[in-house]
Amino acid sequence: MLFILFDVEAVFLYPWAVILRDLKMFGFWEMLVYIAIVLVGFFYIWKKGALDWSGPSAKRGEV
């Protein structure tokens, strides 16, 4: 599910890249704000452990 969330984020970069010259510096700064918000979300789920797929490790003798 997280892959879909961040994949959709990448979809918004394509239309922005097409009209970047028309947007000038305003579009550049707005995209930096957008990417910053996405990165804050990414680091939040990283710190929460949502990206850790290894699962709990079993100690020796435990099943």
Protein backbone atom coordinates (compact mmCIF):
# COMPACT_ATOMS: atom_id res chain seq x y z
CA MET A 1 0.00 0.00 0.00
CA LEU A 2 2.86 2.38 0.72
CA PHE A 3 4.29 1.61 -2.71
CA ILE A 4 1.04 2.78 -4.30
CA LEU A 5 1.05 5.95 -2.21
CA PHE A 6 4.57 6.94 -3.25
CA ASP A 7 4.01 5.76 -6.82
CA VAL A 8 1.07 8.16 -7.13
CA GLU A 9 3.37 10.89 -5.84
CA ALA A 10 5.70 10.24 -8.76
CA VAL A 11 2.80 10.53 -11.23
CA PHE A 12 2.34 14.18 -10.21
CA LEU A 13 5.92 14.96 -11.22
CA TYR A 14 5.34 14.28 -14.95
CA PRO A 15 2.77 17.02 -15.68
CA TRP A 16 4.83 19.45 -13.63
CA ALA A 17 7.95 18.65 -15.68
CA VAL A 18 6.06 19.26 -18.93
CA ILE A 19 4.95 22.79 -17.98
CA LEU A 20 7.93 23.79 -15.84
CA ARG A 21 9.07 26.50 -18.26
CA ASP A 22 5.64 28.15 -18.14
CA LEU A 23 5.54 28.10 -14.33
CA LYS A 24 8.98 29.64 -13.94
CA MET A 25 10.32 29.95 -10.38
CA PHE A 26 6.87 29.76 -8.75
CA GLY A 27 6.42 26.21 -10.05
CA PHE A 28 9.90 25.26 -8.93
CA TRP A 29 9.32 26.42 -5.35
CA GLU A 30 5.88 24.83 -5.20
CA MET A 31 7.34 21.48 -6.27
CA LEU A 32 10.04 21.78 -3.62
CA VAL A 33 7.32 22.27 -1.00
CA TYR A 34 5.44 19.25 -2.40
CA ILE A 35 8.54 17.05 -2.31
CA ALA A 36 9.34 18.23 1.22
CA ILE A 37 5.86 17.19 2.41
CA VAL A 38 6.25 13.79 0.76
CA LEU A 39 9.69 13.32 2.33
CA VAL A 40 8.33 14.18 5.78
CA GLY A 41 5.73 11.44 5.31
CA PHE A 42 8.38 9.02 4.06
CA PHE A 43 10.64 9.60 7.06
CA TYR A 44 7.67 9.29 9.40
CA ILE A 45 6.72 5.83 8.13
CA TRP A 46 10.39 4.85 8.09
CA LYS A 47 10.78 5.76 11.78
CA LYS A 48 7.50 4.00 12.65
CA GLY A 49 8.96 0.80 11.16
CA ALA A 50 6.40 0.40 8.38
CA LEU A 51 9.17 -0.24 5.85
CA ASP A 52 10.77 -3.04 7.91
CA TRP A 53 9.65 -6.24 6.22
CA SER A 54 11.94 -8.59 8.12
CA GLY A 55 9.42 -9.12 10.92
CA PRO A 56 10.28 -10.02 14.47
CA SER A 57 13.37 -12.17 14.74
CA ALA A 58 13.02 -15.47 16.61
CA LYS A 59 15.64 -16.28 19.21
CA ARG A 60 17.30 -19.65 19.39
CA GLY A 61 15.00 -22.23 20.94
CA GLU A 62 11.84 -20.23 20.32
CA VAL A 63 9.35 -21.20 17.69
